[in-house]
Amino acid sequence: MTDSPPDRLAANPDSPYFDQALMERGVGIRFNGTEKTNVEEYCVSEGWIRVAAGNAKDRRGNPLTIKLKGTVEPYFRDEA
């Protein structure tokens, strides 16, 4: 495995940016210097994250998300 998280990662298994091995390892996100625990997807190069919008769900049962722009800093939680 690599020592740095990917540029883009999603928590939804249906997304092309989903990676099971990385999700099991644990990826943390700092957004604008604040730790975020409800991130559904992120992109470092474009500078955005998608976070769940409360408990609302779409018609397929996926959480509704809001795109926030800012500084994204992913890191591995296990420090292997």
PDB file of N, CA and C in Angstrom:
ATOM      1  N   MET A   1       0.826  -1.188   0.000  1.00  0.00           N
ATOM      2  CA  MET A   1       0.000   0.000   0.000  1.00  0.00           C
ATOM      3  C   MET A   1       0.868   1.250   0.000  1.00  0.00           C
ATOM      4  N   THR A   2       0.265   2.317  -0.425  1.00  0.00           N
ATOM      5  CA  THR A   2       1.000   3.578  -0.464  1.00  0.00           C
ATOM      6  C   THR A   2       0.967   4.254   0.900  1.00  0.00           C
ATOM      7  N   ASP A   3       1.853   5.207   1.087  1.00  0.00           N
ATOM      8  CA  ASP A   3       1.911   5.926   2.355  1.00  0.00           C
ATOM      9  C   ASP A   3       1.056   7.173   2.370  1.00  0.00           C
ATOM     10  N   SER A   4       0.472   7.522   1.221  1.00  0.00           N
ATOM     11  CA  SER A   4      -0.390   8.699   1.178  1.00  0.00           C
ATOM     12  C   SER A   4      -1.751   8.309   0.602  1.00  0.00           C
ATOM     13  N   PRO A   5      -2.814   8.900   1.116  1.00  0.00           N
ATOM     14  CA  PRO A   5      -4.157   8.608   0.614  1.00  0.00           C
ATOM     15  C   PRO A   5      -4.314   9.088  -0.837  1.00  0.00           C
ATOM     16  N   PRO A   6      -5.281   8.533  -1.566  1.00  0.00           N
ATOM     17  CA  PRO A   6      -5.486   8.944  -2.957  1.00  0.00           C
ATOM     18  C   PRO A   6      -6.034  10.362  -3.063  1.00  0.00           C
ATOM     19  N   ASP A   7      -5.959  10.927  -4.267  1.00  0.00           N
ATOM     20  CA  ASP A   7      -6.474  12.270  -4.525  1.00  0.00           C
ATOM     21  C   ASP A   7      -7.981  12.323  -4.345  1.00  0.00           C
ATOM     22  N   ARG A   8      -8.665  11.228  -4.682  1.00  0.00           N
ATOM     23  CA  ARG A   8     -10.124  11.204  -4.590  1.00  0.00           C
ATOM     24  C   ARG A   8     -10.571   9.849  -4.055  1.00  0.00           C
ATOM     25  N   LEU A   9     -11.529   9.854  -3.130  1.00  0.00           N
ATOM     26  CA  LEU A   9     -12.019   8.627  -2.527  1.00  0.00           C
ATOM     27  C   LEU A   9     -13.479   8.825  -2.144  1.00  0.00           C
ATOM     28  N   ALA A  10     -14.273   7.765  -2.327  1.00  0.00           N
ATOM     29  CA  ALA A  10     -15.694   7.809  -1.985  1.00  0.00           C
ATOM     30  C   ALA A  10     -16.033   6.661  -1.046  1.00  0.00           C
ATOM     31  N   ALA A  11     -17.013   6.866  -0.176  1.00  0.00           N
ATOM     32  CA  ALA A  11     -17.459   5.844   0.767  1.00  0.00           C
ATOM     33  C   ALA A  11     -18.551   4.959   0.183  1.00  0.00           C
ATOM     34  N   ASN A  12     -19.154   5.355  -0.924  1.00  0.00           N
ATOM     35  CA  ASN A  12     -20.236   4.601  -1.553  1.00  0.00           C
ATOM     36  C   ASN A  12     -19.657   3.487  -2.425  1.00  0.00           C
ATOM     37  N   PRO A  13     -20.002   2.217  -2.181  1.00  0.00           N
ATOM     38  CA  PRO A  13     -19.460   1.115  -2.980  1.00  0.00           C
ATOM     39  C   PRO A  13     -19.825   1.175  -4.467  1.00  0.00           C
ATOM     40  N   ASP A  14     -20.859   1.911  -4.838  1.00  0.00           N
ATOM     41  CA  ASP A  14     -21.254   2.026  -6.243  1.00  0.00           C
ATOM     42  C   ASP A  14     -20.423   3.053  -7.008  1.00  0.00           C
ATOM     43  N   SER A  15     -19.625   3.839  -6.319  1.00  0.00           N
ATOM     44  CA  SER A  15     -18.822   4.882  -6.948  1.00  0.00           C
ATOM     45  C   SER A  15     -17.556   4.292  -7.571  1.00  0.00           C
ATOM     46  N   PRO A  16     -17.108   4.849  -8.701  1.00  0.00           N
ATOM     47  CA  PRO A  16     -15.841   4.382  -9.287  1.00  0.00           C
ATOM     48  C   PRO A  16     -14.626   4.767  -8.445  1.00  0.00           C
ATOM     49  N   TYR A  17     -14.781   5.644  -7.470  1.00  0.00           N
ATOM     50  CA  TYR A  17     -13.686   6.089  -6.613  1.00  0.00           C
ATOM     51  C   TYR A  17     -13.650   5.351  -5.278  1.00  0.00           C
ATOM     52  N   PHE A  18     -14.451   4.304  -5.135  1.00  0.00           N
ATOM     53  CA  PHE A  18     -14.487   3.506  -3.913  1.00  0.00           C
ATOM     54  C   PHE A  18     -13.331   2.511  -3.917  1.00  0.00           C
ATOM     55  N   ASP A  19     -12.649   2.347  -2.769  1.00  0.00           N
ATOM     56  CA  ASP A  19     -11.559   1.381  -2.617  1.00  0.00           C
ATOM     57  C   ASP A  19     -11.721   0.703  -1.261  1.00  0.00           C
ATOM     58  N   GLN A  20     -12.111  -0.574  -1.277  1.00  0.00           N
ATOM     59  CA  GLN A  20     -12.395  -1.307  -0.043  1.00  0.00           C
ATOM     60  C   GLN A  20     -11.175  -1.395   0.875  1.00  0.00           C
ATOM     61  N   ALA A  21     -10.000  -1.638   0.312  1.00  0.00           N
ATOM     62  CA  ALA A  21      -8.790  -1.777   1.138  1.00  0.00           C
ATOM     63  C   ALA A  21      -8.476  -0.478   1.892  1.00  0.00           C
ATOM     64  N   LEU A  22      -8.638   0.646   1.229  1.00  0.00           N
ATOM     65  CA  LEU A  22      -8.374   1.928   1.888  1.00  0.00           C
ATOM     66  C   LEU A  22      -9.421   2.241   2.947  1.00  0.00           C
ATOM     67  N   MET A  23     -10.665   1.867   2.684  1.00  0.00           N
ATOM     68  CA  MET A  23     -11.723   2.125   3.661  1.00  0.00           C
ATOM     69  C   MET A  23     -11.502   1.286   4.919  1.00  0.00           C
ATOM     70  N   GLU A  24     -11.030   0.044   4.762  1.00  0.00           N
ATOM     71  CA  GLU A  24     -10.743  -0.801   5.914  1.00  0.00           C
ATOM     72  C   GLU A  24      -9.548  -0.272   6.707  1.00  0.00           C
ATOM     73  N   ARG A  25      -8.576   0.297   6.010  1.00  0.00           N
ATOM     74  CA  ARG A  25      -7.401   0.864   6.680  1.00  0.00           C
ATOM     75  C   ARG A  25      -7.786   2.101   7.493  1.00  0.00           C
ATOM     76  N   GLY A  26      -8.718   2.873   7.004  1.00  0.00           N
ATOM     77  CA  GLY A  26      -9.192   4.058   7.711  1.00  0.00           C
ATOM     78  C   GLY A  26      -8.547   5.334   7.203  1.00  0.00           C
ATOM     79  N   VAL A  27      -9.340   6.187   6.592  1.00  0.00           N
ATOM     80  CA  VAL A  27      -8.860   7.468   6.088  1.00  0.00           C
ATOM     81  C   VAL A  27      -9.584   8.576   6.841  1.00  0.00           C
ATOM     82  N   GLY A  28      -8.821   9.463   7.446  1.00  0.00           N
ATOM     83  CA  GLY A  28      -9.384  10.616   8.137  1.00  0.00           C
ATOM     84  C   GLY A  28      -9.281  11.843   7.251  1.00  0.00           C
ATOM     85  N   ILE A  29     -10.148  12.819   7.488  1.00  0.00           N
ATOM     86  CA  ILE A  29     -10.176  14.041   6.681  1.00  0.00           C
ATOM     87  C   ILE A  29     -10.130  15.256   7.601  1.00  0.00           C
ATOM     88  N   ARG A  30      -9.206  16.170   7.293  1.00  0.00           N
ATOM     89  CA  ARG A  30      -9.200  17.493   7.905  1.00  0.00           C
ATOM     90  C   ARG A  30      -9.658  18.466   6.826  1.00  0.00           C
ATOM     91  N   PHE A  31     -10.723  19.200   7.100  1.00  0.00           N
ATOM     92  CA  PHE A  31     -11.271  20.156   6.144  1.00  0.00           C
ATOM     93  C   PHE A  31     -11.168  21.536   6.757  1.00  0.00           C
ATOM     94  N   ASN A  32     -10.378  22.405   6.122  1.00  0.00           N
ATOM     95  CA  ASN A  32     -10.111  23.753   6.640  1.00  0.00           C
ATOM     96  C   ASN A  32      -9.612  23.705   8.083  1.00  0.00           C
ATOM     97  N   GLY A  33      -8.789  22.693   8.390  1.00  0.00           N
ATOM     98  CA  GLY A  33      -8.196  22.568   9.713  1.00  0.00           C
ATOM     99  C   GLY A  33      -9.060  21.895  10.757  1.00  0.00           C
ATOM    100  N   THR A  34     -10.272  21.461  10.400  1.00  0.00           N
ATOM    101  CA  THR A  34     -11.196  20.831  11.333  1.00  0.00           C
ATOM    102  C   THR A  34     -11.394  19.367  10.953  1.00  0.00           C
ATOM    103  N   GLU A  35     -11.363  18.488  11.935  1.00  0.00           N
ATOM    104  CA  GLU A  35     -11.591  17.060  11.702  1.00  0.00           C
ATOM    105  C   GLU A  35     -13.058  16.826  11.326  1.00  0.00           C
ATOM    106  N   LYS A  36     -13.284  16.121  10.221  1.00  0.00           N
ATOM    107  CA  LYS A  36     -14.640  15.785   9.778  1.00  0.00           C
ATOM    108  C   LYS A  36     -14.817  14.278   9.831  1.00  0.00           C
ATOM    109  N   THR A  37     -15.943  13.825  10.375  1.00  0.00           N
ATOM    110  CA  THR A  37     -16.202  12.390  10.487  1.00  0.00           C
ATOM    111  C   THR A  37     -17.349  11.926   9.597  1.00  0.00           C
ATOM    112  N   ASN A  38     -18.047  12.845   8.938  1.00  0.00           N
ATOM    113  CA  ASN A  38     -19.207  12.476   8.131  1.00  0.00           C
ATOM    114  C   ASN A  38     -18.974  12.701   6.637  1.00  0.00           C
ATOM    115  N   VAL A  39     -17.737  12.563   6.176  1.00  0.00           N
ATOM    116  CA  VAL A  39     -17.405  12.803   4.776  1.00  0.00           C
ATOM    117  C   VAL A  39     -17.790  11.581   3.930  1.00  0.00           C
ATOM    118  N   GLU A  40     -18.574  11.796   2.890  1.00  0.00           N
ATOM    119  CA  GLU A  40     -18.974  10.728   1.983  1.00  0.00           C
ATOM    120  C   GLU A  40     -17.995  10.588   0.816  1.00  0.00           C
ATOM    121  N   GLU A  41     -17.403  11.689   0.380  1.00  0.00           N
ATOM    122  CA  GLU A  41     -16.465  11.688  -0.747  1.00  0.00           C
ATOM    123  C   GLU A  41     -15.598  12.934  -0.642  1.00  0.00           C
ATOM    124  N   TYR A  42     -14.355  12.841  -1.149  1.00  0.00           N
ATOM    125  CA  TYR A  42     -13.483  14.013  -1.153  1.00  0.00           C
ATOM    126  C   TYR A  42     -12.631  14.027  -2.408  1.00  0.00           C
ATOM    127  N   CYS A  43     -12.113  15.218  -2.753  1.00  0.00           N
ATOM    128  CA  CYS A  43     -11.170  15.391  -3.843  1.00  0.00           C
ATOM    129  C   CYS A  43     -10.181  16.473  -3.428  1.00  0.00           C
ATOM    130  N   VAL A  44      -8.906  16.096  -3.309  1.00  0.00           N
ATOM    131  CA  VAL A  44      -7.879  17.029  -2.851  1.00  0.00           C
ATOM    132  C   VAL A  44      -7.553  18.045  -3.935  1.00  0.00           C
ATOM    133  N   SER A  45      -7.363  17.585  -5.187  1.00  0.00           N
ATOM    134  CA  SER A  45      -6.933  18.483  -6.259  1.00  0.00           C
ATOM    135  C   SER A  45      -7.974  19.546  -6.586  1.00  0.00           C
ATOM    136  N   GLU A  46      -9.265  19.211  -6.456  1.00  0.00           N
ATOM    137  CA  GLU A  46     -10.319  20.184  -6.733  1.00  0.00           C
ATOM    138  C   GLU A  46     -10.740  20.938  -5.467  1.00  0.00           C
ATOM    139  N   GLY A  47     -10.331  20.459  -4.286  1.00  0.00           N
ATOM    140  CA  GLY A  47     -10.592  21.161  -3.032  1.00  0.00           C
ATOM    141  C   GLY A  47     -12.035  21.122  -2.572  1.00  0.00           C
ATOM    142  N   TRP A  48     -12.646  19.933  -2.504  1.00  0.00           N
ATOM    143  CA  TRP A  48     -14.018  19.821  -2.015  1.00  0.00           C
ATOM    144  C   TRP A  48     -14.237  18.506  -1.286  1.00  0.00           C
ATOM    145  N   ILE A  49     -15.277  18.505  -0.448  1.00  0.00           N
ATOM    146  CA  ILE A  49     -15.754  17.296   0.205  1.00  0.00           C
ATOM    147  C   ILE A  49     -17.269  17.255   0.055  1.00  0.00           C
ATOM    148  N   ARG A  50     -17.828  16.066   0.157  1.00  0.00           N
ATOM    149  CA  ARG A  50     -19.278  15.894   0.208  1.00  0.00           C
ATOM    150  C   ARG A  50     -19.614  15.319   1.570  1.00  0.00           C
ATOM    151  N   VAL A  51     -20.505  16.015   2.277  1.00  0.00           N
ATOM    152  CA  VAL A  51     -20.922  15.577   3.607  1.00  0.00           C
ATOM    153  C   VAL A  51     -22.425  15.308   3.593  1.00  0.00           C
ATOM    154  N   ALA A  52     -22.844  14.403   4.465  1.00  0.00           N
ATOM    155  CA  ALA A  52     -24.257  14.066   4.561  1.00  0.00           C
ATOM    156  C   ALA A  52     -25.047  15.264   5.066  1.00  0.00           C
ATOM    157  N   ALA A  53     -26.233  15.464   4.477  1.00  0.00           N
ATOM    158  CA  ALA A  53     -27.111  16.573   4.852  1.00  0.00           C
ATOM    159  C   ALA A  53     -28.156  16.060   5.846  1.00  0.00           C
ATOM    160  N   GLY A  54     -27.756  15.927   7.095  1.00  0.00           N
ATOM    161  CA  GLY A  54     -28.676  15.430   8.118  1.00  0.00           C
ATOM    162  C   GLY A  54     -28.989  13.962   7.911  1.00  0.00           C
ATOM    163  N   ASN A  55     -30.230  13.583   8.174  1.00  0.00           N
ATOM    164  CA  ASN A  55     -30.653  12.191   8.012  1.00  0.00           C
ATOM    165  C   ASN A  55     -31.432  11.972   6.729  1.00  0.00           C
ATOM    166  N   ALA A  56     -31.476  12.965   5.846  1.00  0.00           N
ATOM    167  CA  ALA A  56     -32.251  12.870   4.613  1.00  0.00           C
ATOM    168  C   ALA A  56     -31.649  11.827   3.679  1.00  0.00           C
ATOM    169  N   LYS A  57     -32.510  11.091   2.999  1.00  0.00           N
ATOM    170  CA  LYS A  57     -32.098  10.054   2.052  1.00  0.00           C
ATOM    171  C   LYS A  57     -32.749  10.318   0.694  1.00  0.00           C
ATOM    172  N   ASP A  58     -32.074   9.888  -0.371  1.00  0.00           N
ATOM    173  CA  ASP A  58     -32.691   9.980  -1.683  1.00  0.00           C
ATOM    174  C   ASP A  58     -33.569   8.752  -1.908  1.00  0.00           C
ATOM    175  N   ARG A  59     -34.153   8.625  -3.075  1.00  0.00           N
ATOM    176  CA  ARG A  59     -35.096   7.531  -3.314  1.00  0.00           C
ATOM    177  C   ARG A  59     -34.434   6.160  -3.380  1.00  0.00           C
ATOM    178  N   ARG A  60     -33.108   6.117  -3.493  1.00  0.00           N
ATOM    179  CA  ARG A  60     -32.385   4.845  -3.506  1.00  0.00           C
ATOM    180  C   ARG A  60     -31.838   4.495  -2.121  1.00  0.00           C
ATOM    181  N   GLY A  61     -32.081   5.339  -1.140  1.00  0.00           N
ATOM    182  CA  GLY A  61     -31.634   5.084   0.219  1.00  0.00           C
ATOM    183  C   GLY A  61     -30.256   5.636   0.545  1.00  0.00           C
ATOM    184  N   ASN A  62     -29.651   6.348  -0.390  1.00  0.00           N
ATOM    185  CA  ASN A  62     -28.342   6.959  -0.151  1.00  0.00           C
ATOM    186  C   ASN A  62     -28.533   8.306   0.539  1.00  0.00           C
ATOM    187  N   PRO A  63     -27.578   8.707   1.376  1.00  0.00           N
ATOM    188  CA  PRO A  63     -27.723  10.008   2.042  1.00  0.00           C
ATOM    189  C   PRO A  63     -27.608  11.160   1.051  1.00  0.00           C
ATOM    190  N   LEU A  64     -28.411  12.200   1.266  1.00  0.00           N
ATOM    191  CA  LEU A  64     -28.272  13.413   0.477  1.00  0.00           C
ATOM    192  C   LEU A  64     -27.005  14.121   0.936  1.00  0.00           C
ATOM    193  N   THR A  65     -26.263  14.685  -0.001  1.00  0.00           N
ATOM    194  CA  THR A  65     -24.984  15.291   0.346  1.00  0.00           C
ATOM    195  C   THR A  65     -24.918  16.744  -0.089  1.00  0.00           C
ATOM    196  N   ILE A  66     -24.023  17.470   0.580  1.00  0.00           N
ATOM    197  CA  ILE A  66     -23.742  18.861   0.262  1.00  0.00           C
ATOM    198  C   ILE A  66     -22.259  18.954  -0.066  1.00  0.00           C
ATOM    199  N   LYS A  67     -21.925  19.677  -1.127  1.00  0.00           N
ATOM    200  CA  LYS A  67     -20.532  19.862  -1.524  1.00  0.00           C
ATOM    201  C   LYS A  67     -19.996  21.129  -0.873  1.00  0.00           C
ATOM    202  N   LEU A  68     -18.894  20.982  -0.118  1.00  0.00           N
ATOM    203  CA  LEU A  68     -18.236  22.107   0.535  1.00  0.00           C
ATOM    204  C   LEU A  68     -16.852  22.287  -0.061  1.00  0.00           C
ATOM    205  N   LYS A  69     -16.466  23.522  -0.335  1.00  0.00           N
ATOM    206  CA  LYS A  69     -15.159  23.801  -0.929  1.00  0.00           C
ATOM    207  C   LYS A  69     -14.220  24.390   0.110  1.00  0.00           C
ATOM    208  N   GLY A  70     -12.954  23.958   0.041  1.00  0.00           N
ATOM    209  CA  GLY A  70     -11.948  24.434   0.972  1.00  0.00           C
ATOM    210  C   GLY A  70     -10.699  23.575   0.888  1.00  0.00           C
ATOM    211  N   THR A  71      -9.871  23.636   1.920  1.00  0.00           N
ATOM    212  CA  THR A  71      -8.628  22.871   1.977  1.00  0.00           C
ATOM    213  C   THR A  71      -8.908  21.477   2.525  1.00  0.00           C
ATOM    214  N   VAL A  72      -8.544  20.445   1.746  1.00  0.00           N
ATOM    215  CA  VAL A  72      -8.787  19.056   2.121  1.00  0.00           C
ATOM    216  C   VAL A  72      -7.448  18.385   2.418  1.00  0.00           C
ATOM    217  N   GLU A  73      -7.327  17.779   3.600  1.00  0.00           N
ATOM    218  CA  GLU A  73      -6.105  17.089   4.007  1.00  0.00           C
ATOM    219  C   GLU A  73      -6.454  15.672   4.455  1.00  0.00           C
ATOM    220  N   PRO A  74      -6.339  14.665   3.574  1.00  0.00           N
ATOM    221  CA  PRO A  74      -6.597  13.287   3.994  1.00  0.00           C
ATOM    222  C   PRO A  74      -5.369  12.684   4.670  1.00  0.00           C
ATOM    223  N   TYR A  75      -5.604  11.734   5.567  1.00  0.00           N
ATOM    224  CA  TYR A  75      -4.517  11.027   6.238  1.00  0.00           C
ATOM    225  C   TYR A  75      -5.014   9.645   6.636  1.00  0.00           C
ATOM    226  N   PHE A  76      -4.082   8.724   6.850  1.00  0.00           N
ATOM    227  CA  PHE A  76      -4.439   7.392   7.319  1.00  0.00           C
ATOM    228  C   PHE A  76      -4.503   7.390   8.832  1.00  0.00           C
ATOM    229  N   ARG A  77      -5.550   6.788   9.384  1.00  0.00           N
ATOM    230  CA  ARG A  77      -5.733   6.776  10.829  1.00  0.00           C
ATOM    231  C   ARG A  77      -4.847   5.765  11.531  1.00  0.00           C
ATOM    232  N   ASP A  78      -4.475   4.677  10.851  1.00  0.00           N
ATOM    233  CA  ASP A  78      -3.716   3.624  11.531  1.00  0.00           C
ATOM    234  C   ASP A  78      -2.218   3.881  11.577  1.00  0.00           C
ATOM    235  N   GLU A  79      -1.694   4.794  10.747  1.00  0.00           N
ATOM    236  CA  GLU A  79      -0.265   5.116  10.720  1.00  0.00           C
ATOM    237  C   GLU A  79       0.581   3.853  10.633  1.00  0.00           C
ATOM    238  N   ALA A  80       0.323   3.035   9.607  1.00  0.00           N
ATOM    239  CA  ALA A  80       1.019   1.747   9.432  1.00  0.00           C
ATOM    240  C   ALA A  80       2.480   1.920   9.089  1.00  0.00           C
TER     241      ALA A  80
END
